[in-house]
Amino acid sequence: MKISITQNRLYTMISIVSIIVLWKFLSIWVDNPIMIPSPESTVMEFIKIIKSKNFTITVLATLTRVIIGFSISFISALILGFSSGFFKPVYYLLRPVIIIQKATPTMAIILLSIIWLKAQWAPILVGFLIIFPIIYSNVIQGIESVDIKLIEMARVYKLSQLTVMKDIYIPSIKSSLTSVASATIGLNLKVIIAAEVLSQPNVSIGTNFQMEKANLNTAGVFAWALVSIIIAGGFDLVIRVFKSYNIKHKIDCCKNSH
């Protein structure tokens, strides 16, 4: 097991090094820092950015929007997903709304949000409108994937609705949501930064992207992209730790029961 983990880390490092080497080669070949800056100039810009006095405030501002947007999407999707999963009238009432949300181009959602709301709130609405349908659909899929035989057995033993919900439906939905959370929070970060680029709130990562672009500082754009990648990696790490903890907890519970 340890050998396998070591090998996987080695492959990851090889991939990262290969990307950097290719990047360096392209920057030399193109020989135009406005088109493709060198890795060295990007690292210098990155250091300059994280040392700036507004860096922490900027990152926290965007992170706040990401967390608020994701939390609203997650809670709403859980409530409406459960309602739709157990009550078909609710499902068919919401179906056109979900289809419209999924089909509407992301750029249209961003532009409409900017028209409707102030610059600091528009990205949150964008994140909600993009992420909500994904989580909502996964909640319904989790409910529908429950084995009907388990439900019939619960009826035979006359288990309460609360017990059925706690021991059958929630575990099924939980495993589905843990997987989708990792993907959606990264997507949420990307669409919120994209919305910030256009809405340009006073403090945000997206606003800094726009400023670097206006100054033709491509190395700065790359550096802020690196900041965003690190943040996304942090979110992914937190979800993985949470997932690992749940698996360990289940194993411990099984051992204790025996």
C-alpha atoms as a PDB file:
ATOM      1  CA  MET A   1       0.000   0.000   0.000  1.00  0.00           C
ATOM      2  CA  LYS A   2       2.804   2.425   0.947  1.00  0.00           C
ATOM      3  CA  ILE A   3       4.688   1.501  -2.241  1.00  0.00           C
ATOM      4  CA  SER A   4       1.575   2.235  -4.287  1.00  0.00           C
ATOM      5  CA  ILE A   5       1.109   5.653  -2.631  1.00  0.00           C
ATOM      6  CA  THR A   6       4.801   6.479  -3.206  1.00  0.00           C
ATOM      7  CA  GLN A   7       4.502   5.497  -6.872  1.00  0.00           C
ATOM      8  CA  ASN A   8       1.396   7.651  -7.315  1.00  0.00           C
ATOM      9  CA  ARG A   9       3.179  10.638  -5.783  1.00  0.00           C
ATOM     10  CA  LEU A  10       6.153  10.009  -8.054  1.00  0.00           C
ATOM     11  CA  TYR A  11       3.900   9.985 -11.128  1.00  0.00           C
ATOM     12  CA  THR A  12       2.313  13.235  -9.955  1.00  0.00           C
ATOM     13  CA  MET A  13       5.723  14.873  -9.533  1.00  0.00           C
ATOM     14  CA  ILE A  14       6.809  13.651 -12.988  1.00  0.00           C
ATOM     15  CA  SER A  15       3.654  15.182 -14.461  1.00  0.00           C
ATOM     16  CA  ILE A  16       4.243  18.541 -12.708  1.00  0.00           C
ATOM     17  CA  VAL A  17       7.894  18.671 -13.770  1.00  0.00           C
ATOM     18  CA  SER A  18       6.915  17.797 -17.370  1.00  0.00           C
ATOM     19  CA  ILE A  19       4.382  20.644 -17.430  1.00  0.00           C
ATOM     20  CA  ILE A  20       6.983  23.125 -16.138  1.00  0.00           C
ATOM     21  CA  VAL A  21       9.598  21.947 -18.673  1.00  0.00           C
ATOM     22  CA  LEU A  22       7.080  22.231 -21.531  1.00  0.00           C
ATOM     23  CA  TRP A  23       6.030  25.665 -20.264  1.00  0.00           C
ATOM     24  CA  LYS A  24       9.683  26.807 -20.184  1.00  0.00           C
ATOM     25  CA  PHE A  25      10.257  25.439 -23.690  1.00  0.00           C
ATOM     26  CA  LEU A  26       7.189  27.249 -25.066  1.00  0.00           C
ATOM     27  CA  SER A  27       8.183  30.555 -23.414  1.00  0.00           C
ATOM     28  CA  ILE A  28      11.634  30.330 -25.067  1.00  0.00           C
ATOM     29  CA  TRP A  29      10.181  29.285 -28.429  1.00  0.00           C
ATOM     30  CA  VAL A  30       7.510  32.025 -28.519  1.00  0.00           C
ATOM     31  CA  ASP A  31       9.946  34.581 -27.040  1.00  0.00           C
ATOM     32  CA  ASN A  32       7.152  36.977 -26.128  1.00  0.00           C
ATOM     33  CA  PRO A  33       6.411  37.472 -22.398  1.00  0.00           C
ATOM     34  CA  ILE A  34       3.022  38.997 -23.207  1.00  0.00           C
ATOM     35  CA  MET A  35       1.980  35.763 -24.932  1.00  0.00           C
ATOM     36  CA  ILE A  36       3.692  33.178 -22.694  1.00  0.00           C
ATOM     37  CA  PRO A  37       5.743  34.382 -19.718  1.00  0.00           C
ATOM     38  CA  SER A  38       8.527  32.199 -18.365  1.00  0.00           C
ATOM     39  CA  PRO A  39       8.023  30.101 -15.205  1.00  0.00           C
ATOM     40  CA  GLU A  40      10.629  32.251 -13.461  1.00  0.00           C
ATOM     41  CA  SER A  41       8.809  35.537 -14.146  1.00  0.00           C
ATOM     42  CA  THR A  42       5.532  33.937 -13.036  1.00  0.00           C
ATOM     43  CA  VAL A  43       7.109  32.791  -9.758  1.00  0.00           C
ATOM     44  CA  MET A  44       8.459  36.327  -9.201  1.00  0.00           C
ATOM     45  CA  GLU A  45       4.983  37.770  -9.762  1.00  0.00           C
ATOM     46  CA  PHE A  46       3.502  35.123  -7.468  1.00  0.00           C
ATOM     47  CA  ILE A  47       5.896  36.088  -4.664  1.00  0.00           C
ATOM     48  CA  LYS A  48       5.135  39.755  -5.272  1.00  0.00           C
ATOM     49  CA  ILE A  49       1.387  39.058  -5.063  1.00  0.00           C
ATOM     50  CA  ILE A  50       1.485  37.069  -1.820  1.00  0.00           C
ATOM     51  CA  LYS A  51       3.714  39.712  -0.229  1.00  0.00           C
ATOM     52  CA  SER A  52       1.346  42.557  -1.142  1.00  0.00           C
ATOM     53  CA  LYS A  53      -0.611  44.087   1.743  1.00  0.00           C
ATOM     54  CA  ASN A  54      -4.012  43.412   0.119  1.00  0.00           C
ATOM     55  CA  PHE A  55      -3.368  39.746  -0.719  1.00  0.00           C
ATOM     56  CA  THR A  56      -5.047  38.231   2.364  1.00  0.00           C
ATOM     57  CA  ILE A  57      -8.055  40.551   2.118  1.00  0.00           C
ATOM     58  CA  THR A  58      -8.414  39.798  -1.597  1.00  0.00           C
ATOM     59  CA  VAL A  59      -8.298  36.024  -1.146  1.00  0.00           C
ATOM     60  CA  LEU A  60     -10.663  36.129   1.843  1.00  0.00           C
ATOM     61  CA  ALA A  61     -13.161  38.242  -0.110  1.00  0.00           C
ATOM     62  CA  THR A  62     -13.313  35.700  -2.936  1.00  0.00           C
ATOM     63  CA  LEU A  63     -13.301  32.752  -0.513  1.00  0.00           C
ATOM     64  CA  THR A  64     -16.241  34.296   1.341  1.00  0.00           C
ATOM     65  CA  ARG A  65     -18.232  34.495  -1.893  1.00  0.00           C
ATOM     66  CA  VAL A  66     -17.306  30.913  -2.774  1.00  0.00           C
ATOM     67  CA  ILE A  67     -18.330  29.557   0.638  1.00  0.00           C
ATOM     68  CA  ILE A  68     -21.574  31.564   0.772  1.00  0.00           C
ATOM     69  CA  GLY A  69     -22.541  30.558  -2.772  1.00  0.00           C
ATOM     70  CA  PHE A  70     -21.696  26.903  -2.202  1.00  0.00           C
ATOM     71  CA  SER A  71     -23.464  26.778   1.188  1.00  0.00           C
ATOM     72  CA  ILE A  72     -26.668  28.305  -0.200  1.00  0.00           C
ATOM     73  CA  SER A  73     -26.550  25.923  -3.185  1.00  0.00           C
ATOM     74  CA  PHE A  74     -25.870  22.881  -0.999  1.00  0.00           C
ATOM     75  CA  ILE A  75     -28.575  23.571   1.588  1.00  0.00           C
ATOM     76  CA  SER A  76     -31.165  24.534  -1.051  1.00  0.00           C
ATOM     77  CA  ALA A  77     -30.325  21.454  -3.130  1.00  0.00           C
ATOM     78  CA  LEU A  78     -30.705  19.195  -0.093  1.00  0.00           C
ATOM     79  CA  ILE A  79     -34.086  20.628   0.902  1.00  0.00           C
ATOM     80  CA  LEU A  80     -35.552  20.797  -2.602  1.00  0.00           C
ATOM     81  CA  GLY A  81     -33.869  17.536  -3.650  1.00  0.00           C
ATOM     82  CA  PHE A  82     -35.471  15.643  -0.761  1.00  0.00           C
ATOM     83  CA  SER A  83     -38.817  17.287  -1.506  1.00  0.00           C
ATOM     84  CA  SER A  84     -38.592  16.379  -5.200  1.00  0.00           C
ATOM     85  CA  GLY A  85     -37.353  12.857  -4.474  1.00  0.00           C
ATOM     86  CA  PHE A  86     -40.312  12.004  -2.246  1.00  0.00           C
ATOM     87  CA  PHE A  87     -43.050  14.182  -3.760  1.00  0.00           C
ATOM     88  CA  LYS A  88     -43.433  13.941  -7.536  1.00  0.00           C
ATOM     89  CA  PRO A  89     -45.524  17.155  -7.866  1.00  0.00           C
ATOM     90  CA  VAL A  90     -42.550  19.124  -6.461  1.00  0.00           C
ATOM     91  CA  TYR A  91     -40.201  17.320  -8.866  1.00  0.00           C
ATOM     92  CA  TYR A  92     -42.272  18.224 -11.928  1.00  0.00           C
ATOM     93  CA  LEU A  93     -42.796  21.788 -10.716  1.00  0.00           C
ATOM     94  CA  LEU A  94     -39.025  22.287 -10.424  1.00  0.00           C
ATOM     95  CA  ARG A  95     -38.114  20.337 -13.551  1.00  0.00           C
ATOM     96  CA  PRO A  96     -38.466  23.277 -16.026  1.00  0.00           C
ATOM     97  CA  VAL A  97     -36.440  25.524 -13.700  1.00  0.00           C
ATOM     98  CA  ILE A  98     -33.601  22.988 -13.481  1.00  0.00           C
ATOM     99  CA  ILE A  99     -33.599  22.426 -17.253  1.00  0.00           C
ATOM    100  CA  ILE A 100     -33.428  26.193 -17.869  1.00  0.00           C
ATOM    101  CA  GLN A 101     -30.573  26.581 -15.360  1.00  0.00           C
ATOM    102  CA  LYS A 102     -28.593  23.759 -16.960  1.00  0.00           C
ATOM    103  CA  ALA A 103     -29.187  24.975 -20.519  1.00  0.00           C
ATOM    104  CA  THR A 104     -28.501  28.692 -19.978  1.00  0.00           C
ATOM    105  CA  PRO A 105     -24.943  29.651 -21.061  1.00  0.00           C
ATOM    106  CA  THR A 106     -22.642  30.514 -18.162  1.00  0.00           C
ATOM    107  CA  MET A 107     -21.796  33.902 -19.696  1.00  0.00           C
ATOM    108  CA  ALA A 108     -25.505  34.791 -19.911  1.00  0.00           C
ATOM    109  CA  ILE A 109     -25.907  33.916 -16.221  1.00  0.00           C
ATOM    110  CA  ILE A 110     -22.900  36.088 -15.326  1.00  0.00           C
ATOM    111  CA  LEU A 111     -24.150  39.072 -17.353  1.00  0.00           C
ATOM    112  CA  LEU A 112     -27.688  38.840 -15.951  1.00  0.00           C
ATOM    113  CA  SER A 113     -26.352  38.588 -12.399  1.00  0.00           C
ATOM    114  CA  ILE A 114     -24.275  41.735 -12.939  1.00  0.00           C
ATOM    115  CA  ILE A 115     -27.378  43.546 -14.228  1.00  0.00           C
ATOM    116  CA  TRP A 116     -29.547  42.405 -11.319  1.00  0.00           C
ATOM    117  CA  LEU A 117     -27.159  42.754  -8.373  1.00  0.00           C
ATOM    118  CA  LYS A 118     -24.305  44.880  -7.048  1.00  0.00           C
ATOM    119  CA  ALA A 119     -20.753  43.918  -8.008  1.00  0.00           C
ATOM    120  CA  GLN A 120     -19.959  42.219  -4.687  1.00  0.00           C
ATOM    121  CA  TRP A 121     -23.118  40.061  -4.714  1.00  0.00           C
ATOM    122  CA  ALA A 122     -23.372  39.124  -8.401  1.00  0.00           C
ATOM    123  CA  PRO A 123     -20.652  36.396  -8.243  1.00  0.00           C
ATOM    124  CA  ILE A 124     -22.520  34.656  -5.399  1.00  0.00           C
ATOM    125  CA  LEU A 125     -25.680  34.443  -7.499  1.00  0.00           C
ATOM    126  CA  VAL A 126     -23.642  33.098 -10.421  1.00  0.00           C
ATOM    127  CA  GLY A 127     -22.139  30.386  -8.208  1.00  0.00           C
ATOM    128  CA  PHE A 128     -25.580  29.429  -6.921  1.00  0.00           C
ATOM    129  CA  LEU A 129     -27.190  29.234 -10.362  1.00  0.00           C
ATOM    130  CA  ILE A 130     -24.355  27.081 -11.748  1.00  0.00           C
ATOM    131  CA  ILE A 131     -23.854  24.727  -8.791  1.00  0.00           C
ATOM    132  CA  PHE A 132     -27.414  24.232  -7.507  1.00  0.00           C
ATOM    133  CA  PRO A 133     -28.697  22.045 -10.416  1.00  0.00           C
ATOM    134  CA  ILE A 134     -25.691  19.715 -10.138  1.00  0.00           C
ATOM    135  CA  ILE A 135     -26.085  19.065  -6.405  1.00  0.00           C
ATOM    136  CA  TYR A 136     -29.896  18.917  -6.697  1.00  0.00           C
ATOM    137  CA  SER A 137     -29.664  16.227  -9.405  1.00  0.00           C
ATOM    138  CA  ASN A 138     -27.244  14.192  -7.271  1.00  0.00           C
ATOM    139  CA  VAL A 139     -29.598  14.290  -4.288  1.00  0.00           C
ATOM    140  CA  ILE A 140     -32.438  12.930  -6.430  1.00  0.00           C
ATOM    141  CA  GLN A 141     -30.149  10.276  -7.953  1.00  0.00           C
ATOM    142  CA  GLY A 142     -29.104   9.226  -4.448  1.00  0.00           C
ATOM    143  CA  ILE A 143     -32.754   8.789  -3.442  1.00  0.00           C
ATOM    144  CA  GLU A 144     -33.642   6.903  -6.623  1.00  0.00           C
ATOM    145  CA  SER A 145     -30.610   4.593  -6.323  1.00  0.00           C
ATOM    146  CA  VAL A 146     -31.803   3.180  -2.985  1.00  0.00           C
ATOM    147  CA  ASP A 147     -32.600  -0.534  -3.345  1.00  0.00           C
ATOM    148  CA  ILE A 148     -36.367  -0.963  -3.338  1.00  0.00           C
ATOM    149  CA  LYS A 149     -35.948  -4.268  -1.466  1.00  0.00           C
ATOM    150  CA  LEU A 150     -34.496  -2.368   1.501  1.00  0.00           C
ATOM    151  CA  ILE A 151     -37.556  -0.121   1.570  1.00  0.00           C
ATOM    152  CA  GLU A 152     -39.890  -3.137   1.383  1.00  0.00           C
ATOM    153  CA  MET A 153     -37.968  -4.813   4.215  1.00  0.00           C
ATOM    154  CA  ALA A 154     -38.268  -1.649   6.304  1.00  0.00           C
ATOM    155  CA  ARG A 155     -42.038  -1.715   5.762  1.00  0.00           C
ATOM    156  CA  VAL A 156     -42.243  -5.387   6.748  1.00  0.00           C
ATOM    157  CA  TYR A 157     -40.408  -4.652  10.006  1.00  0.00           C
ATOM    158  CA  LYS A 158     -42.510  -1.503  10.431  1.00  0.00           C
ATOM    159  CA  LEU A 159     -39.540   0.813  10.834  1.00  0.00           C
ATOM    160  CA  SER A 160     -40.324   4.485  11.387  1.00  0.00           C
ATOM    161  CA  GLN A 161     -39.912   6.990   8.564  1.00  0.00           C
ATOM    162  CA  LEU A 162     -37.165   8.680  10.574  1.00  0.00           C
ATOM    163  CA  THR A 163     -35.218   5.403  10.846  1.00  0.00           C
ATOM    164  CA  VAL A 164     -35.663   4.684   7.124  1.00  0.00           C
ATOM    165  CA  MET A 165     -34.445   8.179   6.297  1.00  0.00           C
ATOM    166  CA  LYS A 166     -31.467   8.005   8.678  1.00  0.00           C
ATOM    167  CA  ASP A 167     -30.283   4.467   7.932  1.00  0.00           C
ATOM    168  CA  ILE A 168     -31.204   3.981   4.262  1.00  0.00           C
ATOM    169  CA  TYR A 169     -31.672   7.221   2.336  1.00  0.00           C
ATOM    170  CA  ILE A 170     -29.092   9.484   3.979  1.00  0.00           C
ATOM    171  CA  PRO A 171     -26.136   7.027   3.585  1.00  0.00           C
ATOM    172  CA  SER A 172     -27.019   6.621  -0.107  1.00  0.00           C
ATOM    173  CA  ILE A 173     -27.188  10.389  -0.676  1.00  0.00           C
ATOM    174  CA  LYS A 174     -24.113  11.059   1.483  1.00  0.00           C
ATOM    175  CA  SER A 175     -21.792   8.948  -0.677  1.00  0.00           C
ATOM    176  CA  SER A 176     -23.132  10.620  -3.817  1.00  0.00           C
ATOM    177  CA  LEU A 177     -22.773  14.130  -2.375  1.00  0.00           C
ATOM    178  CA  THR A 178     -19.214  13.611  -1.119  1.00  0.00           C
ATOM    179  CA  SER A 179     -18.096  12.834  -4.672  1.00  0.00           C
ATOM    180  CA  VAL A 180     -19.953  15.724  -6.276  1.00  0.00           C
ATOM    181  CA  ALA A 181     -18.836  18.221  -3.595  1.00  0.00           C
ATOM    182  CA  SER A 182     -15.190  17.891  -4.635  1.00  0.00           C
ATOM    183  CA  ALA A 183     -16.022  18.723  -8.254  1.00  0.00           C
ATOM    184  CA  THR A 184     -18.628  21.421  -7.623  1.00  0.00           C
ATOM    185  CA  ILE A 185     -16.653  23.498  -5.135  1.00  0.00           C
ATOM    186  CA  GLY A 186     -13.792  23.754  -7.643  1.00  0.00           C
ATOM    187  CA  LEU A 187     -16.266  24.685 -10.375  1.00  0.00           C
ATOM    188  CA  ASN A 188     -17.881  27.179  -8.001  1.00  0.00           C
ATOM    189  CA  LEU A 189     -14.497  28.845  -7.442  1.00  0.00           C
ATOM    190  CA  LYS A 190     -13.899  29.138 -11.200  1.00  0.00           C
ATOM    191  CA  VAL A 191     -17.296  30.615 -12.083  1.00  0.00           C
ATOM    192  CA  ILE A 192     -17.222  33.062  -9.173  1.00  0.00           C
ATOM    193  CA  ILE A 193     -13.763  34.324 -10.215  1.00  0.00           C
ATOM    194  CA  ALA A 194     -15.049  34.589 -13.808  1.00  0.00           C
ATOM    195  CA  ALA A 195     -17.994  36.646 -12.540  1.00  0.00           C
ATOM    196  CA  GLU A 196     -15.618  38.838 -10.512  1.00  0.00           C
ATOM    197  CA  VAL A 197     -13.563  39.529 -13.645  1.00  0.00           C
ATOM    198  CA  LEU A 198     -16.645  41.072 -15.279  1.00  0.00           C
ATOM    199  CA  SER A 199     -18.422  42.596 -12.260  1.00  0.00           C
ATOM    200  CA  GLN A 200     -15.142  43.889 -10.735  1.00  0.00           C
ATOM    201  CA  PRO A 201     -15.990  44.248  -7.037  1.00  0.00           C
ATOM    202  CA  ASN A 202     -13.612  46.459  -5.085  1.00  0.00           C
ATOM    203  CA  VAL A 203     -11.726  43.502  -3.595  1.00  0.00           C
ATOM    204  CA  SER A 204     -11.506  40.129  -5.363  1.00  0.00           C
ATOM    205  CA  ILE A 205      -9.226  37.743  -7.219  1.00  0.00           C
ATOM    206  CA  GLY A 206     -11.215  38.331 -10.410  1.00  0.00           C
ATOM    207  CA  THR A 207     -10.649  42.085 -10.218  1.00  0.00           C
ATOM    208  CA  ASN A 208      -6.894  41.463  -9.989  1.00  0.00           C
ATOM    209  CA  PHE A 209      -7.078  39.224 -13.056  1.00  0.00           C
ATOM    210  CA  GLN A 210      -8.687  42.104 -14.948  1.00  0.00           C
ATOM    211  CA  MET A 211      -6.078  44.595 -13.717  1.00  0.00           C
ATOM    212  CA  GLU A 212      -3.173  42.353 -14.791  1.00  0.00           C
ATOM    213  CA  LYS A 213      -4.816  41.847 -18.189  1.00  0.00           C
ATOM    214  CA  ALA A 214      -5.302  45.596 -18.627  1.00  0.00           C
ATOM    215  CA  ASN A 215      -1.612  46.127 -17.853  1.00  0.00           C
ATOM    216  CA  LEU A 216      -0.642  43.352 -20.319  1.00  0.00           C
ATOM    217  CA  ASN A 217       1.075  41.603 -17.417  1.00  0.00           C
ATOM    218  CA  THR A 218       0.543  37.993 -18.480  1.00  0.00           C
ATOM    219  CA  ALA A 219       2.938  36.752 -15.787  1.00  0.00           C
ATOM    220  CA  GLY A 220       0.600  38.396 -13.254  1.00  0.00           C
ATOM    221  CA  VAL A 221      -2.386  36.594 -14.811  1.00  0.00           C
ATOM    222  CA  PHE A 222      -0.479  33.286 -14.568  1.00  0.00           C
ATOM    223  CA  ALA A 223       0.449  34.074 -10.959  1.00  0.00           C
ATOM    224  CA  TRP A 224      -3.163  34.748  -9.945  1.00  0.00           C
ATOM    225  CA  ALA A 225      -4.154  31.552 -11.769  1.00  0.00           C
ATOM    226  CA  LEU A 226      -1.608  29.749  -9.589  1.00  0.00           C
ATOM    227  CA  VAL A 227      -3.196  31.284  -6.489  1.00  0.00           C
ATOM    228  CA  SER A 228      -6.599  30.017  -7.665  1.00  0.00           C
ATOM    229  CA  ILE A 229      -5.201  26.526  -8.319  1.00  0.00           C
ATOM    230  CA  ILE A 230      -3.732  26.388  -4.800  1.00  0.00           C
ATOM    231  CA  ILE A 231      -7.072  27.434  -3.292  1.00  0.00           C
ATOM    232  CA  ALA A 232      -8.920  24.787  -5.340  1.00  0.00           C
ATOM    233  CA  GLY A 233      -6.356  22.215  -4.208  1.00  0.00           C
ATOM    234  CA  GLY A 234      -6.969  23.252  -0.596  1.00  0.00           C
ATOM    235  CA  PHE A 235     -10.716  22.713  -0.976  1.00  0.00           C
ATOM    236  CA  ASP A 236     -10.101  19.312  -2.568  1.00  0.00           C
ATOM    237  CA  LEU A 237      -7.747  18.322   0.258  1.00  0.00           C
ATOM    238  CA  VAL A 238     -10.328  19.259   2.917  1.00  0.00           C
ATOM    239  CA  ILE A 239     -12.999  17.145   1.190  1.00  0.00           C
ATOM    240  CA  ARG A 240     -10.590  14.198   0.852  1.00  0.00           C
ATOM    241  CA  VAL A 241      -9.711  14.390   4.556  1.00  0.00           C
ATOM    242  CA  PHE A 242     -13.420  14.520   5.400  1.00  0.00           C
ATOM    243  CA  LYS A 243     -14.083  11.528   3.145  1.00  0.00           C
ATOM    244  CA  SER A 244     -11.192   9.550   4.664  1.00  0.00           C
ATOM    245  CA  TYR A 245     -12.450  10.354   8.165  1.00  0.00           C
ATOM    246  CA  ASN A 246     -15.916   9.035   7.294  1.00  0.00           C
ATOM    247  CA  ILE A 247     -14.474   5.806   5.862  1.00  0.00           C
ATOM    248  CA  LYS A 248     -12.280   5.318   8.970  1.00  0.00           C
ATOM    249  CA  HIS A 249     -15.289   6.025  11.212  1.00  0.00           C
ATOM    250  CA  LYS A 250     -17.354   3.381   9.391  1.00  0.00           C
ATOM    251  CA  ILE A 251     -14.557   0.805   9.717  1.00  0.00           C
ATOM    252  CA  ASP A 252     -14.205   1.545  13.444  1.00  0.00           C
ATOM    253  CA  CYS A 253     -17.972   1.209  13.908  1.00  0.00           C
ATOM    254  CA  CYS A 254     -17.957  -2.166  12.125  1.00  0.00           C
ATOM    255  CA  LYS A 255     -15.079  -3.393  14.332  1.00  0.00           C
ATOM    256  CA  ASN A 256     -16.856  -2.262  17.470  1.00  0.00           C
ATOM    257  CA  SER A 257     -20.109  -3.944  16.423  1.00  0.00           C
ATOM    258  CA  HIS A 258     -18.263  -7.265  16.052  1.00  0.00           C
END
